[in-house]
C-alpha atoms as a PDB file:
ATOM      1  CA  MET A   1     100.737  86.220  80.267  1.00  0.00           C
ATOM      2  CA  GLU A   2      97.798  87.330  77.853  1.00  0.00           C
ATOM      3  CA  THR A   3      97.572  90.737  76.686  1.00  0.00           C
ATOM      4  CA  ARG A   4      94.210  92.522  76.127  1.00  0.00           C
ATOM      5  CA  ILE A   5      93.130  96.260  75.118  1.00  0.00           C
ATOM      6  CA  LEU A   6      92.016  98.848  77.695  1.00  0.00           C
ATOM      7  CA  GLY A   7      88.552  99.830  76.599  1.00  0.00           C
ATOM      8  CA  ARG A   8      88.684 102.709  74.186  1.00  0.00           C
ATOM      9  CA  THR A   9      92.004 103.986  75.285  1.00  0.00           C
ATOM     10  CA  GLY A  10      93.633 101.570  72.702  1.00  0.00           C
ATOM     11  CA  LEU A  11      96.346 100.990  75.527  1.00  0.00           C
ATOM     12  CA  VAL A  12      97.669  97.366  75.647  1.00  0.00           C
ATOM     13  CA  VAL A  13      97.580  95.824  79.073  1.00  0.00           C
ATOM     14  CA  THR A  14      97.999  92.547  81.154  1.00  0.00           C
ATOM     15  CA  PRO A  15      94.948  91.257  83.176  1.00  0.00           C
ATOM     16  CA  ILE A  16      96.968  91.419  86.233  1.00  0.00           C
ATOM     17  CA  GLY A  17      98.805  94.741  86.871  1.00  0.00           C
ATOM     18  CA  LEU A  18     101.388  96.131  89.617  1.00  0.00           C
ATOM     19  CA  GLY A  19     100.364  98.894  91.875  1.00  0.00           C
ATOM     20  CA  LEU A  20     103.049 100.878  93.638  1.00  0.00           C
ATOM     21  CA  ALA A  21     101.402 102.450  96.195  1.00  0.00           C
ATOM     22  CA  ALA A  22     102.927 100.050  98.963  1.00  0.00           C
ATOM     23  CA  LEU A  23     106.391 100.199  97.232  1.00  0.00           C
ATOM     24  CA  GLY A  24     107.089 103.811  96.644  1.00  0.00           C
ATOM     25  CA  ARG A  25     107.065 105.238 100.110  1.00  0.00           C
ATOM     26  CA  PRO A  26     107.638 104.065 103.667  1.00  0.00           C
ATOM     27  CA  GLY A  27     104.350 104.356 105.100  1.00  0.00           C
ATOM     28  CA  TYR A  28     101.108 102.907 103.774  1.00  0.00           C
ATOM     29  CA  ILE A  29      97.685 101.360 104.789  1.00  0.00           C
ATOM     30  CA  THR A  30      98.081  97.755 103.877  1.00  0.00           C
ATOM     31  CA  LEU A  31      98.162  95.419 106.946  1.00  0.00           C
ATOM     32  CA  LYS A  32     101.595  94.923 108.365  1.00  0.00           C
ATOM     33  CA  HIS A  33     103.076  96.837 105.603  1.00  0.00           C
ATOM     34  CA  GLY A  34     106.034  97.786 107.755  1.00  0.00           C
ATOM     35  CA  GLU A  35     106.887  94.037 107.978  1.00  0.00           C
ATOM     36  CA  ASP A  36     106.782  93.284 104.251  1.00  0.00           C
ATOM     37  CA  LEU A  37     109.665  96.090 103.876  1.00  0.00           C
ATOM     38  CA  ARG A  38     111.392  94.513 107.109  1.00  0.00           C
ATOM     39  CA  HIS A  39     111.122  98.170 108.558  1.00  0.00           C
ATOM     40  CA  GLU A  40     114.042  99.057 106.350  1.00  0.00           C
ATOM     41  CA  TYR A  41     113.155 102.272 104.984  1.00  0.00           C
ATOM     42  CA  SER A  42     116.265 103.961 103.214  1.00  0.00           C
ATOM     43  CA  VAL A  43     115.722 105.249  99.885  1.00  0.00           C
ATOM     44  CA  ASP A  44     118.510 102.730  98.469  1.00  0.00           C
ATOM     45  CA  ALA A  45     116.790  99.953 100.561  1.00  0.00           C
ATOM     46  CA  MET A  46     113.324 100.735  98.948  1.00  0.00           C
ATOM     47  CA  GLN A  47     114.873 100.833  95.731  1.00  0.00           C
ATOM     48  CA  ALA A  48     116.302  97.451  96.002  1.00  0.00           C
ATOM     49  CA  GLN A  49     112.855  96.157  97.243  1.00  0.00           C
ATOM     50  CA  VAL A  50     110.908  98.015  94.359  1.00  0.00           C
ATOM     51  CA  ASP A  51     113.534  96.172  91.990  1.00  0.00           C
ATOM     52  CA  SER A  52     112.818  92.822  93.203  1.00  0.00           C
ATOM     53  CA  VAL A  53     109.060  93.032  92.798  1.00  0.00           C
ATOM     54  CA  LEU A  54     109.542  94.681  89.412  1.00  0.00           C
ATOM     55  CA  ASP A  55     111.890  92.167  88.255  1.00  0.00           C
ATOM     56  CA  ALA A  56     109.264  89.224  89.373  1.00  0.00           C
ATOM     57  CA  ALA A  57     106.427  91.271  87.473  1.00  0.00           C
ATOM     58  CA  TRP A  58     108.523  91.397  84.605  1.00  0.00           C
ATOM     59  CA  GLN A  59     109.309  88.026  84.453  1.00  0.00           C
ATOM     60  CA  ALA A  60     105.992  86.820  85.147  1.00  0.00           C
ATOM     61  CA  GLY A  61     104.786  88.674  81.835  1.00  0.00           C
ATOM     62  CA  ILE A  62     103.079  91.716  83.794  1.00  0.00           C
ATOM     63  CA  SER A  63     103.275  94.818  81.618  1.00  0.00           C
ATOM     64  CA  TYR A  64     100.995  97.319  83.253  1.00  0.00           C
ATOM     65  CA  PHE A  65     102.324  99.423  85.959  1.00  0.00           C
ATOM     66  CA  ASP A  66     100.405 102.031  88.322  1.00  0.00           C
ATOM     67  CA  ALA A  67     102.006 104.885  90.171  1.00  0.00           C
ATOM     68  CA  ALA A  68     101.023 108.248  91.406  1.00  0.00           C
ATOM     69  CA  ARG A  69     102.630 111.745  92.406  1.00  0.00           C
ATOM     70  CA  SER A  70     101.829 111.121  96.090  1.00  0.00           C
ATOM     71  CA  TYR A  71     103.096 107.578  95.815  1.00  0.00           C
ATOM     72  CA  GLY A  72     106.570 109.101  97.506  1.00  0.00           C
ATOM     73  CA  ARG A  73     109.389 107.893  95.108  1.00  0.00           C
ATOM     74  CA  ALA A  74     107.119 105.441  93.104  1.00  0.00           C
ATOM     75  CA  GLU A  75     107.534 107.086  89.797  1.00  0.00           C
ATOM     76  CA  VAL A  76     111.349 107.679  90.230  1.00  0.00           C
ATOM     77  CA  PHE A  77     111.891 103.916  91.132  1.00  0.00           C
ATOM     78  CA  LEU A  78     109.839 102.708  88.333  1.00  0.00           C
ATOM     79  CA  ALA A  79     111.787 104.810  85.819  1.00  0.00           C
ATOM     80  CA  SER A  80     114.955 103.740  87.030  1.00  0.00           C
ATOM     81  CA  TRP A  81     114.169 100.426  86.997  1.00  0.00           C
ATOM     82  CA  LEU A  82     112.838 100.605  83.264  1.00  0.00           C
ATOM     83  CA  THR A  83     115.912 102.510  82.075  1.00  0.00           C
ATOM     84  CA  ARG A  84     118.567 100.235  83.559  1.00  0.00           C
ATOM     85  CA  ASN A  85     116.697  97.273  82.120  1.00  0.00           C
ATOM     86  CA  GLU A  86     116.524  98.716  78.945  1.00  0.00           C
ATOM     87  CA  ILE A  87     112.706  98.059  78.769  1.00  0.00           C
ATOM     88  CA  SER A  88     111.382 100.299  75.586  1.00  0.00           C
ATOM     89  CA  PRO A  89     108.111 102.567  76.399  1.00  0.00           C
ATOM     90  CA  GLN A  90     106.518 100.606  73.513  1.00  0.00           C
ATOM     91  CA  ALA A  91     106.907  97.312  75.736  1.00  0.00           C
ATOM     92  CA  VAL A  92     104.655  98.461  78.719  1.00  0.00           C
ATOM     93  CA  THR A  93     101.951 100.795  79.921  1.00  0.00           C
ATOM     94  CA  VAL A  94     102.375 102.772  82.594  1.00  0.00           C
ATOM     95  CA  GLY A  95      99.606 104.768  84.393  1.00  0.00           C
ATOM     96  CA  SER A  96      99.920 107.448  86.996  1.00  0.00           C
ATOM     97  CA  LYS A  97      97.672 109.968  88.653  1.00  0.00           C
ATOM     98  CA  TRP A  98      97.688 113.577  89.880  1.00  0.00           C
ATOM     99  CA  GLY A  99      95.790 115.192  92.653  1.00  0.00           C
ATOM    100  CA  TYR A 100      97.488 114.279  95.887  1.00  0.00           C
ATOM    101  CA  THR A 101     100.712 115.645  96.889  1.00  0.00           C
ATOM    102  CA  TYR A 102     103.224 113.360  99.210  1.00  0.00           C
ATOM    103  CA  THR A 103     104.010 115.275 102.191  1.00  0.00           C
ATOM    104  CA  ALA A 104     105.496 112.543 104.834  1.00  0.00           C
ATOM    105  CA  ASP A 105     109.152 113.415 104.035  1.00  0.00           C
ATOM    106  CA  TRP A 106     109.863 109.871 104.011  1.00  0.00           C
ATOM    107  CA  ARG A 107     108.657 108.962 107.664  1.00  0.00           C
ATOM    108  CA  VAL A 108     106.346 106.602 108.721  1.00  0.00           C
ATOM    109  CA  ASP A 109     105.124 108.500 111.687  1.00  0.00           C
ATOM    110  CA  ALA A 110     104.175 111.382 109.708  1.00  0.00           C
ATOM    111  CA  PRO A 111     101.006 113.089 110.894  1.00  0.00           C
ATOM    112  CA  VAL A 112      99.968 113.717 107.300  1.00  0.00           C
ATOM    113  CA  HIS A 113     101.051 111.796 104.433  1.00  0.00           C
ATOM    114  CA  GLU A 114      99.343 113.521 101.720  1.00  0.00           C
ATOM    115  CA  VAL A 115      97.494 116.228 100.521  1.00  0.00           C
ATOM    116  CA  LYS A 116      94.475 116.589  98.107  1.00  0.00           C
ATOM    117  CA  ASP A 117      94.227 119.283  95.609  1.00  0.00           C
ATOM    118  CA  LEU A 118      92.463 118.815  92.423  1.00  0.00           C
ATOM    119  CA  SER A 119      93.002 122.592  91.218  1.00  0.00           C
ATOM    120  CA  LEU A 120      94.356 123.354  87.837  1.00  0.00           C
ATOM    121  CA  PRO A 121      97.881 124.724  88.932  1.00  0.00           C
ATOM    122  CA  VAL A 122      98.366 121.136  90.839  1.00  0.00           C
ATOM    123  CA  LEU A 123      97.322 119.537  87.754  1.00  0.00           C
ATOM    124  CA  ARG A 124      99.598 121.350  85.452  1.00  0.00           C
ATOM    125  CA  ARG A 125     102.698 120.909  88.095  1.00  0.00           C
ATOM    126  CA  GLN A 126     102.127 117.336  88.660  1.00  0.00           C
ATOM    127  CA  ARG A 127     101.746 116.699  85.131  1.00  0.00           C
ATOM    128  CA  ALA A 128     105.112 118.321  84.383  1.00  0.00           C
ATOM    129  CA  GLU A 129     106.759 116.305  87.153  1.00  0.00           C
ATOM    130  CA  SER A 130     105.194 112.973  86.040  1.00  0.00           C
ATOM    131  CA  ASP A 131     106.468 113.489  82.260  1.00  0.00           C
ATOM    132  CA  ALA A 132     109.748 114.738  83.601  1.00  0.00           C
ATOM    133  CA  ILE A 133     110.357 111.654  85.955  1.00  0.00           C
ATOM    134  CA  LEU A 134     108.946 108.957  83.363  1.00  0.00           C
ATOM    135  CA  ASN A 135     110.170 110.735  80.352  1.00  0.00           C
ATOM    136  CA  GLY A 136     108.341 108.874  77.560  1.00  0.00           C
ATOM    137  CA  TYR A 137     106.729 105.843  79.561  1.00  0.00           C
ATOM    138  CA  LEU A 138     103.422 107.616  81.018  1.00  0.00           C
ATOM    139  CA  LYS A 139     100.474 106.432  78.909  1.00  0.00           C
ATOM    140  CA  LEU A 140      97.468 107.142  81.194  1.00  0.00           C
ATOM    141  CA  TYR A 141      96.971 109.958  83.649  1.00  0.00           C
ATOM    142  CA  GLN A 142      93.997 109.721  86.149  1.00  0.00           C
ATOM    143  CA  ILE A 143      92.636 112.272  88.539  1.00  0.00           C
ATOM    144  CA  HIS A 144      93.569 110.760  91.801  1.00  0.00           C
ATOM    145  CA  SER A 145      90.228 109.934  93.767  1.00  0.00           C
ATOM    146  CA  ALA A 146      87.672 111.957  91.848  1.00  0.00           C
ATOM    147  CA  THR A 147      84.503 112.406  94.266  1.00  0.00           C
ATOM    148  CA  LEU A 148      81.218 114.246  93.659  1.00  0.00           C
ATOM    149  CA  GLU A 149      82.197 116.303  96.709  1.00  0.00           C
ATOM    150  CA  SER A 150      85.259 117.506  95.437  1.00  0.00           C
ATOM    151  CA  GLY A 151      83.215 119.578  92.766  1.00  0.00           C
ATOM    152  CA  ILE A 152      86.002 118.318  89.946  1.00  0.00           C
ATOM    153  CA  PHE A 153      83.100 117.530  87.284  1.00  0.00           C
ATOM    154  CA  GLU A 154      82.233 121.182  87.343  1.00  0.00           C
ATOM    155  CA  HIS A 155      85.773 122.573  86.843  1.00  0.00           C
ATOM    156  CA  SER A 156      85.551 123.075  83.417  1.00  0.00           C
ATOM    157  CA  GLU A 157      89.214 124.427  82.876  1.00  0.00           C
ATOM    158  CA  VAL A 158      90.524 121.289  84.373  1.00  0.00           C
ATOM    159  CA  LEU A 159      88.302 119.310  82.015  1.00  0.00           C
ATOM    160  CA  GLN A 160      89.652 121.315  79.331  1.00  0.00           C
ATOM    161  CA  GLU A 161      93.065 120.537  80.386  1.00  0.00           C
ATOM    162  CA  LEU A 162      92.910 116.879  80.550  1.00  0.00           C
ATOM    163  CA  VAL A 163      90.955 116.867  77.166  1.00  0.00           C
ATOM    164  CA  SER A 164      94.186 119.012  75.584  1.00  0.00           C
ATOM    165  CA  TYR A 165      96.402 116.164  77.101  1.00  0.00           C
ATOM    166  CA  ARG A 166      94.298 113.478  75.434  1.00  0.00           C
ATOM    167  CA  GLN A 167      94.378 115.393  72.109  1.00  0.00           C
ATOM    168  CA  ALA A 168      98.233 115.130  72.572  1.00  0.00           C
ATOM    169  CA  GLY A 169      98.015 111.390  72.909  1.00  0.00           C
ATOM    170  CA  LEU A 170      97.876 110.804  76.822  1.00  0.00           C
ATOM    171  CA  ALA A 171      94.819 108.402  77.712  1.00  0.00           C
ATOM    172  CA  ILE A 172      92.707 110.068  80.587  1.00  0.00           C
ATOM    173  CA  GLY A 173      91.129 108.652  83.254  1.00  0.00           C
ATOM    174  CA  LEU A 174      90.094 108.777  86.977  1.00  0.00           C
ATOM    175  CA  THR A 175      89.982 106.738  90.112  1.00  0.00           C
ATOM    176  CA  LEU A 176      87.572 106.359  92.480  1.00  0.00           C
ATOM    177  CA  SER A 177      87.101 106.072  96.265  1.00  0.00           C
ATOM    178  CA  GLY A 178      84.608 105.942  99.059  1.00  0.00           C
ATOM    179  CA  PRO A 179      80.963 104.505  99.375  1.00  0.00           C
ATOM    180  CA  ARG A 180      79.734 106.938  96.431  1.00  0.00           C
ATOM    181  CA  GLN A 181      81.888 105.140  93.953  1.00  0.00           C
ATOM    182  CA  ALA A 182      78.922 104.098  91.724  1.00  0.00           C
ATOM    183  CA  GLU A 183      77.107 107.608  91.874  1.00  0.00           C
ATOM    184  CA  THR A 184      80.569 109.172  90.950  1.00  0.00           C
ATOM    185  CA  LEU A 185      81.260 106.784  87.970  1.00  0.00           C
ATOM    186  CA  GLU A 186      77.652 107.150  86.567  1.00  0.00           C
ATOM    187  CA  ARG A 187      78.320 110.893  87.000  1.00  0.00           C
ATOM    188  CA  THR A 188      81.733 110.453  85.083  1.00  0.00           C
ATOM    189  CA  MET A 189      79.890 108.545  81.861  1.00  0.00           C
ATOM    190  CA  GLN A 190      77.764 111.807  81.368  1.00  0.00           C
ATOM    191  CA  ILE A 191      80.628 114.444  81.255  1.00  0.00           C
ATOM    192  CA  ARG A 192      81.423 115.513  77.774  1.00  0.00           C
ATOM    193  CA  VAL A 193      83.545 118.092  76.189  1.00  0.00           C
ATOM    194  CA  GLU A 194      83.041 118.989  72.596  1.00  0.00           C
ATOM    195  CA  GLY A 195      80.738 116.012  72.621  1.00  0.00           C
ATOM    196  CA  ARG A 196      83.105 113.338  73.154  1.00  0.00           C
ATOM    197  CA  PRO A 197      83.332 111.915  76.964  1.00  0.00           C
ATOM    198  CA  VAL A 198      86.295 113.034  78.729  1.00  0.00           C
ATOM    199  CA  PHE A 199      87.398 110.057  80.617  1.00  0.00           C
ATOM    200  CA  ASP A 200      88.181 106.816  78.590  1.00  0.00           C
ATOM    201  CA  CYS A 201      89.436 104.733  81.778  1.00  0.00           C
ATOM    202  CA  VAL A 202      88.236 104.220  85.354  1.00  0.00           C
ATOM    203  CA  GLN A 203      89.966 102.655  88.179  1.00  0.00           C
ATOM    204  CA  ALA A 204      87.662 101.871  91.241  1.00  0.00           C
ATOM    205  CA  THR A 205      87.747  99.660  94.181  1.00  0.00           C
ATOM    206  CA  TRP A 206      85.951  96.105  93.990  1.00  0.00           C
ATOM    207  CA  ASN A 207      86.721  93.021  96.180  1.00  0.00           C
ATOM    208  CA  LEU A 208      84.711  90.236  98.004  1.00  0.00           C
ATOM    209  CA  LEU A 209      83.923  92.698 100.749  1.00  0.00           C
ATOM    210  CA  GLU A 210      82.842  95.997  98.820  1.00  0.00           C
ATOM    211  CA  THR A 211      81.035  95.163  95.569  1.00  0.00           C
ATOM    212  CA  SER A 212      79.017  98.243  95.509  1.00  0.00           C
ATOM    213  CA  ALA A 213      80.364  99.610  92.339  1.00  0.00           C
ATOM    214  CA  GLY A 214      79.866  96.491  90.514  1.00  0.00           C
ATOM    215  CA  GLU A 215      76.603  97.315  88.204  1.00  0.00           C
ATOM    216  CA  ALA A 216      78.276 100.793  87.640  1.00  0.00           C
ATOM    217  CA  LEU A 217      81.730  99.497  86.403  1.00  0.00           C
ATOM    218  CA  ARG A 218      79.785  96.988  84.183  1.00  0.00           C
ATOM    219  CA  ALA A 219      77.988  99.680  82.410  1.00  0.00           C
ATOM    220  CA  ALA A 220      81.187 101.611  82.325  1.00  0.00           C
ATOM    221  CA  HIS A 221      82.923  98.800  80.299  1.00  0.00           C
ATOM    222  CA  HIS A 222      79.762  98.343  77.855  1.00  0.00           C
ATOM    223  CA  GLN A 223      80.164 102.089  76.772  1.00  0.00           C
ATOM    224  CA  GLY A 224      83.549 101.292  76.313  1.00  0.00           C
ATOM    225  CA  MET A 225      85.610 102.650  79.236  1.00  0.00           C
ATOM    226  CA  GLY A 226      88.526 100.760  80.341  1.00  0.00           C
ATOM    227  CA  VAL A 227      88.290  99.211  83.981  1.00  0.00           C
ATOM    228  CA  ILE A 228      91.118  98.817  86.281  1.00  0.00           C
ATOM    229  CA  VAL A 229      90.445  97.390  89.801  1.00  0.00           C
ATOM    230  CA  LYS A 230      92.261  98.386  92.797  1.00  0.00           C
ATOM    231  CA  GLU A 231      92.453  97.201  96.534  1.00  0.00           C
ATOM    232  CA  ALA A 232      91.175  93.717  95.401  1.00  0.00           C
ATOM    233  CA  LEU A 233      92.413  92.359  98.711  1.00  0.00           C
ATOM    234  CA  ALA A 234      91.248  95.019 100.689  1.00  0.00           C
ATOM    235  CA  ASN A 235      94.414  96.483 101.665  1.00  0.00           C
ATOM    236  CA  GLY A 236      95.612  93.122 103.399  1.00  0.00           C
ATOM    237  CA  ARG A 237      92.564  92.268 104.857  1.00  0.00           C
ATOM    238  CA  LEU A 238      91.540  89.328 102.216  1.00  0.00           C
ATOM    239  CA  THR A 239      95.103  87.980 102.872  1.00  0.00           C
ATOM    240  CA  ALA A 240      96.422  85.793 105.635  1.00  0.00           C
ATOM    241  CA  LYS A 241      97.871  88.815 107.458  1.00  0.00           C
ATOM    242  CA  ASN A 242      94.412  89.688 108.525  1.00  0.00           C
ATOM    243  CA  ASP A 243      94.479  88.056 112.386  1.00  0.00           C
ATOM    244  CA  ASN A 244      91.713  90.365 113.572  1.00  0.00           C
ATOM    245  CA  PRO A 245      89.664  88.087 115.972  1.00  0.00           C
ATOM    246  CA  VAL A 246      86.584  89.930 114.479  1.00  0.00           C
ATOM    247  CA  PHE A 247      87.220  88.848 110.903  1.00  0.00           C
ATOM    248  CA  ALA A 248      87.999  85.292 112.277  1.00  0.00           C
ATOM    249  CA  PRO A 249      84.575  83.637 110.913  1.00  0.00           C
ATOM    250  CA  ARG A 250      84.864  85.039 107.509  1.00  0.00           C
ATOM    251  CA  ARG A 251      88.314  84.266 107.495  1.00  0.00           C
ATOM    252  CA  ALA A 252      87.703  80.347 108.219  1.00  0.00           C
ATOM    253  CA  LEU A 253      85.315  80.806 105.253  1.00  0.00           C
ATOM    254  CA  LEU A 254      87.811  81.903 102.811  1.00  0.00           C
ATOM    255  CA  VAL A 255      90.190  79.323 104.198  1.00  0.00           C
ATOM    256  CA  THR A 256      87.846  76.538 103.516  1.00  0.00           C
ATOM    257  CA  ALA A 257      87.278  77.922 100.082  1.00  0.00           C
ATOM    258  CA  ALA A 258      90.831  78.277  99.329  1.00  0.00           C
ATOM    259  CA  LYS A 259      91.329  74.624 100.219  1.00  0.00           C
ATOM    260  CA  GLU A 260      88.735  73.098  97.967  1.00  0.00           C
ATOM    261  CA  LEU A 261      90.560  75.398  95.208  1.00  0.00           C
ATOM    262  CA  ASN A 262      94.033  74.105  96.441  1.00  0.00           C
ATOM    263  CA  THR A 263      95.057  77.829  96.479  1.00  0.00           C
ATOM    264  CA  SER A 264      95.805  80.546  98.574  1.00  0.00           C
ATOM    265  CA  LEU A 265      93.722  83.291 100.391  1.00  0.00           C
ATOM    266  CA  ASP A 266      95.102  86.090  98.316  1.00  0.00           C
ATOM    267  CA  ALA A 267      94.946  84.251  95.057  1.00  0.00           C
ATOM    268  CA  LEU A 268      91.268  83.136  95.513  1.00  0.00           C
ATOM    269  CA  CYS A 269      90.317  86.557  96.122  1.00  0.00           C
ATOM    270  CA  LEU A 270      92.036  88.009  93.171  1.00  0.00           C
ATOM    271  CA  ALA A 271      90.431  85.404  91.012  1.00  0.00           C
ATOM    272  CA  ALA A 272      86.887  86.526  92.086  1.00  0.00           C
ATOM    273  CA  VAL A 273      87.685  89.932  90.863  1.00  0.00           C
ATOM    274  CA  LEU A 274      89.329  88.344  87.535  1.00  0.00           C
ATOM    275  CA  ALA A 275      86.147  86.433  87.069  1.00  0.00           C
ATOM    276  CA  GLN A 276      84.331  89.713  86.705  1.00  0.00           C
ATOM    277  CA  PRO A 277      83.697  90.112  82.741  1.00  0.00           C
ATOM    278  CA  TRP A 278      84.156  93.790  83.051  1.00  0.00           C
ATOM    279  CA  ALA A 279      87.357  93.637  84.858  1.00  0.00           C
ATOM    280  CA  ASP A 280      90.244  94.510  82.354  1.00  0.00           C
ATOM    281  CA  VAL A 281      93.217  94.646  84.770  1.00  0.00           C
ATOM    282  CA  VAL A 282      93.350  93.645  88.629  1.00  0.00           C
ATOM    283  CA  LEU A 283      95.972  95.310  90.433  1.00  0.00           C
ATOM    284  CA  SER A 284      98.369  93.494  92.602  1.00  0.00           C
ATOM    285  CA  GLY A 285      99.656  95.539  95.579  1.00  0.00           C
ATOM    286  CA  ALA A 286     102.409  93.372  96.155  1.00  0.00           C
ATOM    287  CA  ALA A 287     104.985  94.396  98.136  1.00  0.00           C
ATOM    288  CA  THR A 288     107.323  91.350  98.009  1.00  0.00           C
ATOM    289  CA  PRO A 289     108.231  88.839  95.209  1.00  0.00           C
ATOM    290  CA  GLU A 290     106.670  85.987  97.083  1.00  0.00           C
ATOM    291  CA  GLN A 291     103.536  88.382  97.555  1.00  0.00           C
ATOM    292  CA  LEU A 292     103.569  88.846  93.964  1.00  0.00           C
ATOM    293  CA  ALA A 293     104.215  84.951  92.857  1.00  0.00           C
ATOM    294  CA  SER A 294     101.060  84.153  95.063  1.00  0.00           C
ATOM    295  CA  ASN A 295      98.784  86.542  93.794  1.00  0.00           C
ATOM    296  CA  ILE A 296      99.696  85.373  90.161  1.00  0.00           C
ATOM    297  CA  THR A 297      98.236  82.245  90.710  1.00  0.00           C
ATOM    298  CA  ALA A 298      95.120  83.873  90.885  1.00  0.00           C
ATOM    299  CA  LEU A 299      95.095  83.332  86.611  1.00  0.00           C
ATOM    300  CA  ASP A 300      94.827  79.669  86.813  1.00  0.00           C
ATOM    301  CA  ILE A 301      91.829  79.517  89.332  1.00  0.00           C
ATOM    302  CA  SER A 302      88.665  78.552  87.990  1.00  0.00           C
ATOM    303  CA  GLN A 303      85.999  79.085  91.050  1.00  0.00           C
ATOM    304  CA  LYS A 304      83.183  76.545  91.376  1.00  0.00           C
ATOM    305  CA  PRO A 305      79.867  78.085  91.188  1.00  0.00           C
ATOM    306  CA  ILE A 306      79.327  76.836  94.459  1.00  0.00           C
ATOM    307  CA  THR A 307      82.217  78.589  95.968  1.00  0.00           C
ATOM    308  CA  ALA A 308      81.480  82.045  94.474  1.00  0.00           C
ATOM    309  CA  GLU A 309      78.073  81.647  96.236  1.00  0.00           C
ATOM    310  CA  GLN A 310      79.480  80.895  99.131  1.00  0.00           C
ATOM    311  CA  LEU A 311      81.796  83.789  99.164  1.00  0.00           C
ATOM    312  CA  THR A 312      78.847  86.531  98.699  1.00  0.00           C
ATOM    313  CA  SER A 313      78.294  86.315 102.272  1.00  0.00           C
ATOM    314  CA  LEU A 314      81.687  87.889 103.011  1.00  0.00           C
ATOM    315  CA  ARG A 315      80.205  91.437 101.639  1.00  0.00           C
ATOM    316  CA  GLU A 316      80.065  94.574 103.872  1.00  0.00           C
ATOM    317  CA  PRO A 317      77.947  97.568 103.741  1.00  0.00           C
ATOM    318  CA  SER A 318      79.860 100.217 101.845  1.00  0.00           C
ATOM    319  CA  GLN A 319      79.479 102.842 104.404  1.00  0.00           C
ATOM    320  CA  ASP A 320      80.804 100.213 106.944  1.00  0.00           C
ATOM    321  CA  TYR A 321      84.116  99.075 104.527  1.00  0.00           C
ATOM    322  CA  TRP A 322      85.042 102.468 103.887  1.00  0.00           C
ATOM    323  CA  ALA A 323      85.109 103.217 107.671  1.00  0.00           C
ATOM    324  CA  GLU A 324      87.217 100.485 108.273  1.00  0.00           C
ATOM    325  CA  ARG A 325      89.400 101.716 105.573  1.00  0.00           C
ATOM    326  CA  SER A 326      89.823 105.268 106.841  1.00  0.00           C
ATOM    327  CA  ALA A 327      90.640 103.794 110.022  1.00  0.00           C
ATOM    328  CA  LEU A 328      93.621 101.849 108.923  1.00  0.00           C
ATOM    329  CA  PRO A 329      96.967 102.948 110.352  1.00  0.00           C
ATOM    330  CA  TRP A 330      99.777 104.119 107.922  1.00  0.00           C
ATOM    331  CA  ILE A 331     102.593 101.730 109.106  1.00  0.00           C
END
């Protein structure tokens, strides 16, 4: 797989990366997540599942891996796999995030799975935790789900702390969520400390259903920020897993387009993201080696102009998209 540089971070990445949100903890909001894990939730069973997907990713050439403190044991699973396979820190780029604390205690039915806190004490605690676990592999550290409502951009102590991490050699970024992604990113690009932008990378949701951040991501890329796209398959809504009758007409459109290109639904939708000139990395959220293998075929798809135009009709109003995402069950 080809490599590229992630904006002004200078980090080497692959166009497809592997996100561990659905692999580090028993419960997640991806459609039919429990079936992907065969409802085997012991730590040993999940470590084996993660290892199988990481093995497949590495064999395919993927070298960008995305974790977070709130992804259960994702950092631990990843670090264990990297160490056992004697993969050097120079051979991979690992990104993680701070701001959410995992609270589900390894339960799928937990009333609360994670708690958000973007305070300075949490930043310092979680940075120390990530450093201790990843032990030299961590290269990109991101605010997890920065929003205008959180007040994070006015928190000068947090911003200064992040700048100190960058001065020590760690790339600094943020992830976005919600219907105000574009506004948040526009605010992000204005943030300066000592005359320099604080954030060198952004990770945002963009897919065929939710495209509202596209122009802001284009502007960020133009300004030199690295751009990572998450939830390219809309938490499973843009895959064969989505059997919701309400979605049936749009699924039929996707199936027709996929047949025209001789590919799968997931690869078609990932290819649509890869086609965006501002996207440096698109995360696969695969929970099985088979899903990952299908995702990776997106690299071989060249969309026909007529097909790309047809797929624009899939777009949803941003508020509707995020409301439906919020209603997805942790299973």
